[in-house]
Amino acid sequence: MFLKNKVAFITGSSSGIGEQLALAFADHGADVIVHGNSKISEAEKLCQKISNKGVQSLLVKGDLTMRSEVESIFSKITEVFGRIDILINNAGTMVKRCKIEDLKFEDWNRIIDVNLTSVFHVTQAIIPLMKQQGGGTIINMSSVAARNGGGGGAVAYATAKGGVSTLTKGLAKELAQYNIRVNAIAPGVITTPFHDQYSTTEMREKMITQVPLGREGKPEEIAGAALYLASDYSSYVTGEIIEVTGGMV
C-alpha cells in the first residue's frame, strides 16, 4: 500500500492499459480519478471495481483535445480532492492507419491533437496545482513507435509519440525546481483493444518476430513500470523513457 493517501489521475482509463493502471494503483492504496470520453459505461464499471477495493474513485468525462473540457475536469477534481499527486497521461489512439502521401490534413491534425496536444492541455492545467501542493509525479505514455517510426501507416502516430517523449524530457528539466518529476513509458506490442482495432493478425505476428521475449506484452506489465515511476522508489528518476517492449529496443 505504498500509494496510500495519494490521488492518481489517469486519462483514458476506461479500457486497455489505462484500465489496468487504474486497478493497479487502487490495489496499492491510491484514490483514482478515472477518465473516459466515448466509453463511459466501461469507465463507470471501472469506478465501481476501484471503490470495491476500499479506496475512493471519481469519474470525469471529456475530450482532452478541448481546453474548455480539460478545465471543467480539473474544476471537478479540485472540488472533490483538492490535489493530484500522480498524473498519467495515458489517453491516445492511432485514429487511423494511412500512408503519409494519402493522409488528409484533418486526420493529421486529429492524430496530433489526440496523442500530443491532449498531453499539453492536461499537463499545463495540472502544473499550478502541483506547484501549490509542493510537488508531484507526471507519467506520460509514449510508444516504441517514437523510436522506430511506427509500423505501416503509422507515421503520424509515431510522430505524435515522439513529441510526447521530447515533451517529457523538456518538462523534467523545467519542473524539477518545483519537485515535480516527469517520466514516460514506451510500450511495445501490448495485448489491448488498440491492436485489435488497428493491427491485423499478420501485422501482429510480424511484430512479435521482432520481440526477443517472443510474445505480446500484457497491460499489467505496463502498470508495473508506472507503479515504480509513481513511487518513492524512483525519487531520483526524472526525464527518463522506460521501454517496456520485451527487448525490441
Protein backbone atom coordinates (compact mmCIF):
# COMPACT_ATOMS: atom_id res chain seq x y z
CA MET A 1 0.00 0.00 0.00
CA PHE A 2 2.85 2.39 -0.81
CA LEU A 3 0.47 4.78 -2.59
CA LYS A 4 -1.96 5.14 0.31
CA ASN A 5 -3.34 8.68 0.65
CA LYS A 6 -2.15 9.55 -2.86
CA VAL A 7 -4.51 10.75 -5.57
CA ALA A 8 -3.88 9.50 -9.12
CA PHE A 9 -5.49 10.91 -12.25
CA ILE A 10 -5.26 8.50 -15.19
CA THR A 11 -6.50 9.78 -18.54
CA GLY A 12 -8.03 7.36 -21.00
CA SER A 13 -8.58 4.80 -18.25
CA SER A 14 -11.82 3.15 -19.37
CA SER A 15 -10.11 0.22 -21.12
CA GLY A 16 -6.80 -1.36 -22.11
CA ILE A 17 -3.62 -0.13 -20.46
CA GLY A 18 -5.44 2.70 -18.69
CA GLU A 19 -7.86 0.33 -17.01
CA GLN A 20 -5.05 -1.85 -15.69
CA LEU A 21 -3.18 1.22 -14.47
CA ALA A 22 -6.26 2.33 -12.52
CA LEU A 23 -6.75 -1.10 -10.92
CA ALA A 24 -3.07 -1.46 -10.03
CA PHE A 25 -2.88 1.97 -8.42
CA ALA A 26 -6.04 1.23 -6.42
CA ASP A 27 -4.51 -2.08 -5.29
CA HIS A 28 -1.62 -0.10 -3.82
CA GLY A 29 -3.85 2.30 -1.92
CA ALA A 30 -4.26 5.29 -4.24
CA ASP A 31 -7.54 7.07 -4.75
CA VAL A 32 -8.11 7.01 -8.51
CA ILE A 33 -9.68 9.52 -10.86
CA VAL A 34 -10.97 7.61 -13.86
CA HIS A 35 -11.32 9.46 -17.15
CA GLY A 36 -13.49 8.49 -20.10
CA ASN A 37 -14.76 10.15 -23.22
CA SER A 38 -16.53 7.71 -25.55
CA LYS A 39 -16.55 4.61 -23.31
CA ILE A 40 -18.43 5.99 -20.34
CA SER A 41 -20.23 2.77 -19.39
CA GLU A 42 -16.88 0.97 -19.14
CA ALA A 43 -15.48 3.81 -17.05
CA GLU A 44 -18.44 3.60 -14.67
CA LYS A 45 -17.88 -0.13 -14.17
CA LEU A 46 -14.20 0.53 -13.50
CA CYS A 47 -15.05 3.10 -10.84
CA GLN A 48 -17.17 0.51 -9.07
CA LYS A 49 -14.31 -2.02 -9.14
CA ILE A 50 -11.98 0.59 -7.65
CA SER A 51 -14.45 1.51 -4.92
CA ASN A 52 -14.78 -2.18 -4.04
CA LYS A 53 -11.05 -2.16 -3.24
CA GLY A 54 -11.65 0.25 -0.37
CA VAL A 55 -10.31 3.41 -1.98
CA GLN A 56 -12.09 6.41 -3.44
CA SER A 57 -12.88 6.73 -7.14
CA LEU A 58 -14.11 9.64 -9.22
CA LEU A 59 -15.28 9.58 -12.84
CA VAL A 60 -14.54 12.58 -15.05
CA LYS A 61 -15.66 12.88 -18.65
CA GLY A 62 -14.44 14.97 -21.52
CA ASP A 63 -12.49 15.41 -24.75
CA LEU A 64 -8.92 16.23 -23.72
CA THR A 65 -8.20 17.93 -27.05
CA MET A 66 -10.64 20.66 -25.98
CA ARG A 67 -9.16 23.10 -23.47
CA SER A 68 -12.55 24.08 -22.05
CA GLU A 69 -13.38 20.46 -21.24
CA VAL A 70 -9.98 19.94 -19.60
CA GLU A 71 -10.60 22.98 -17.41
CA SER A 72 -14.02 21.62 -16.45
CA ILE A 73 -12.44 18.29 -15.48
CA PHE A 74 -9.86 19.96 -13.27
CA SER A 75 -12.50 22.09 -11.62
CA LYS A 76 -14.35 18.93 -10.61
CA ILE A 77 -11.18 17.19 -9.39
CA THR A 78 -10.15 20.20 -7.33
CA GLU A 79 -13.60 20.37 -5.78
CA VAL A 80 -13.55 16.70 -4.73
CA PHE A 81 -9.91 16.05 -3.85
CA GLY A 82 -8.13 19.40 -3.83
CA ARG A 83 -4.92 17.74 -5.05
CA ILE A 84 -3.42 15.35 -7.60
CA ASP A 85 -0.23 13.57 -6.62
CA ILE A 86 0.15 11.45 -9.76
CA LEU A 87 -0.87 12.26 -13.31
CA ILE A 88 -0.68 9.60 -16.00
CA ASN A 89 -1.23 10.98 -19.49
CA ASN A 90 -2.41 7.71 -20.98
CA ALA A 91 -5.18 8.85 -23.34
CA GLY A 92 -4.41 8.43 -27.02
CA THR A 93 -5.03 6.26 -30.05
CA MET A 94 -3.84 5.77 -33.62
CA VAL A 95 -7.08 7.23 -35.07
CA LYS A 96 -6.33 5.51 -38.40
CA ARG A 97 -3.55 3.79 -40.34
CA CYS A 98 -2.70 5.62 -43.54
CA LYS A 99 0.37 6.33 -45.67
CA ILE A 100 1.53 9.91 -45.31
CA GLU A 101 1.00 10.62 -49.01
CA ASP A 102 -2.67 9.68 -48.62
CA LEU A 103 -3.30 11.20 -45.17
CA LYS A 104 -5.79 14.05 -45.10
CA PHE A 105 -4.69 17.17 -43.25
CA GLU A 106 -7.65 16.99 -40.87
CA ASP A 107 -6.68 13.41 -39.98
CA TRP A 108 -3.07 14.51 -39.34
CA ASN A 109 -4.33 17.22 -37.01
CA ARG A 110 -6.62 14.81 -35.20
CA ILE A 111 -3.80 12.30 -34.62
CA ILE A 112 -1.51 15.01 -33.24
CA ASP A 113 -4.28 16.50 -31.11
CA VAL A 114 -5.38 13.20 -29.56
CA ASN A 115 -1.88 11.95 -28.78
CA LEU A 116 0.19 15.08 -28.14
CA THR A 117 -1.91 18.23 -27.75
CA SER A 118 -4.06 16.50 -25.14
CA VAL A 119 -0.93 15.85 -23.07
CA PHE A 120 -0.06 19.54 -23.31
CA HIS A 121 -3.54 20.64 -22.20
CA VAL A 122 -3.73 18.29 -19.21
CA THR A 123 -0.15 18.87 -18.09
CA GLN A 124 -0.38 22.64 -18.34
CA ALA A 125 -3.59 22.55 -16.33
CA ILE A 126 -2.06 20.46 -13.53
CA ILE A 127 1.22 22.34 -13.06
CA PRO A 128 -0.20 25.15 -10.86
CA LEU A 129 -1.87 22.60 -8.59
CA MET A 130 1.28 20.50 -8.22
CA LYS A 131 3.38 23.61 -7.56
CA GLN A 132 0.91 24.73 -4.89
CA GLN A 133 0.97 21.35 -3.12
CA GLY A 134 4.78 21.15 -3.21
CA GLY A 135 5.35 18.57 -5.94
CA GLY A 136 4.00 15.61 -7.82
CA THR A 137 4.71 12.98 -10.44
CA ILE A 138 3.78 13.02 -14.11
CA ILE A 139 3.99 9.90 -16.26
CA ASN A 140 3.41 10.19 -20.00
CA MET A 141 2.61 7.30 -22.31
CA SER A 142 4.91 7.27 -25.31
CA SER A 143 5.46 4.26 -27.59
CA VAL A 144 8.14 2.14 -29.21
CA ALA A 145 6.88 3.87 -32.37
CA ALA A 146 8.60 7.03 -31.14
CA ARG A 147 11.91 5.20 -31.52
CA ASN A 148 11.37 3.24 -34.73
CA GLY A 149 8.93 5.38 -36.72
CA GLY A 150 5.98 3.04 -36.24
CA GLY A 151 4.52 0.21 -38.28
CA GLY A 152 2.80 0.51 -41.64
CA GLY A 153 0.58 3.56 -41.94
CA ALA A 154 1.52 4.86 -38.50
CA VAL A 155 3.98 7.67 -39.25
CA ALA A 156 1.69 10.39 -37.89
CA TYR A 157 1.06 8.41 -34.70
CA ALA A 158 4.78 7.75 -34.28
CA THR A 159 5.48 11.46 -34.79
CA ALA A 160 2.99 12.39 -32.07
CA LYS A 161 4.53 9.87 -29.67
CA GLY A 162 7.98 11.19 -30.50
CA GLY A 163 6.66 14.56 -29.42
CA VAL A 164 5.46 13.04 -26.15
CA SER A 165 8.95 11.67 -25.45
CA THR A 166 10.58 15.04 -26.19
CA LEU A 167 7.97 16.89 -24.11
CA THR A 168 8.72 14.53 -21.24
CA LYS A 169 12.43 15.33 -21.23
CA GLY A 170 11.88 19.07 -21.55
CA LEU A 171 9.27 19.18 -18.80
CA ALA A 172 11.52 17.18 -16.48
CA LYS A 173 14.08 19.98 -16.67
CA GLU A 174 11.54 22.77 -16.44
CA LEU A 175 9.61 21.37 -13.47
CA ALA A 176 12.40 19.85 -11.37
CA GLN A 177 12.70 23.06 -9.32
CA TYR A 178 9.12 22.52 -8.12
CA ASN A 179 9.72 18.92 -7.01
CA ILE A 180 7.70 17.62 -9.97
CA ARG A 181 9.18 14.56 -11.63
CA VAL A 182 8.29 13.80 -15.25
CA ASN A 183 8.94 10.44 -16.91
CA ALA A 184 7.42 8.34 -19.66
CA ILE A 185 6.74 4.73 -20.53
CA ALA A 186 7.14 3.48 -24.08
CA PRO A 187 5.14 0.26 -24.54
CA GLY A 188 5.89 -2.18 -27.31
CA VAL A 189 3.28 -4.60 -28.66
CA ILE A 190 0.72 -4.93 -25.87
CA THR A 191 -2.42 -7.08 -25.99
CA THR A 192 -5.13 -4.42 -25.91
CA PRO A 193 -8.19 -3.27 -27.88
CA PHE A 194 -5.79 -0.81 -29.58
CA HIS A 195 -4.18 -3.57 -31.63
CA ASP A 196 -7.49 -5.39 -32.05
CA GLN A 197 -8.72 -2.27 -33.83
CA TYR A 198 -5.67 -1.06 -35.75
CA SER A 199 -3.42 -4.10 -36.38
CA THR A 200 -4.20 -7.17 -38.46
CA THR A 201 -3.28 -10.66 -37.29
CA GLU A 202 -0.48 -10.70 -39.88
CA MET A 203 0.91 -7.39 -38.62
CA ARG A 204 0.90 -8.58 -35.03
CA GLU A 205 2.62 -11.84 -35.92
CA LYS A 206 5.33 -9.91 -37.76
CA MET A 207 5.80 -7.54 -34.80
CA ILE A 208 6.19 -10.48 -32.42
CA THR A 209 9.09 -11.80 -34.52
CA GLN A 210 10.93 -8.61 -33.51
CA VAL A 211 10.36 -9.21 -29.79
CA PRO A 212 13.17 -11.22 -28.12
CA LEU A 213 10.76 -12.45 -25.43
CA GLY A 214 8.63 -13.86 -28.23
CA ARG A 215 5.19 -12.62 -27.20
CA GLU A 216 2.96 -9.61 -26.80
CA GLY A 217 3.11 -7.78 -23.50
CA LYS A 218 0.24 -7.53 -21.03
CA PRO A 219 -1.31 -4.27 -19.80
CA GLU A 220 -0.37 -5.35 -16.26
CA GLU A 221 3.29 -5.24 -17.29
CA ILE A 222 2.95 -1.57 -18.20
CA ALA A 223 1.30 -0.95 -14.83
CA GLY A 224 4.38 -2.34 -13.09
CA ALA A 225 6.60 0.30 -14.66
CA ALA A 226 4.09 3.02 -13.81
CA LEU A 227 3.94 1.96 -10.17
CA TYR A 228 7.72 2.27 -9.96
CA LEU A 229 7.74 5.74 -11.53
CA ALA A 230 4.91 6.93 -9.27
CA SER A 231 6.54 5.72 -6.07
CA ASP A 232 9.35 6.91 -3.86
CA TYR A 233 11.43 4.02 -5.24
CA SER A 234 12.10 6.29 -8.23
CA SER A 235 12.61 9.51 -6.27
CA TYR A 236 15.86 10.31 -8.16
CA VAL A 237 14.47 9.43 -11.61
CA THR A 238 13.19 12.15 -13.93
CA GLY A 239 13.33 12.76 -17.68
CA GLU A 240 13.50 9.02 -18.42
CA ILE A 241 11.67 6.97 -21.05
CA ILE A 242 11.25 3.40 -19.78
CA GLU A 243 10.96 1.00 -22.72
CA VAL A 244 8.59 -1.87 -21.92
CA THR A 245 8.95 -3.75 -25.19
CA GLY A 246 10.07 -7.29 -24.44
CA GLY A 247 13.51 -6.40 -25.76
CA MET A 248 12.51 -4.74 -29.08
CA VAL A 249 14.66 -1.72 -28.18
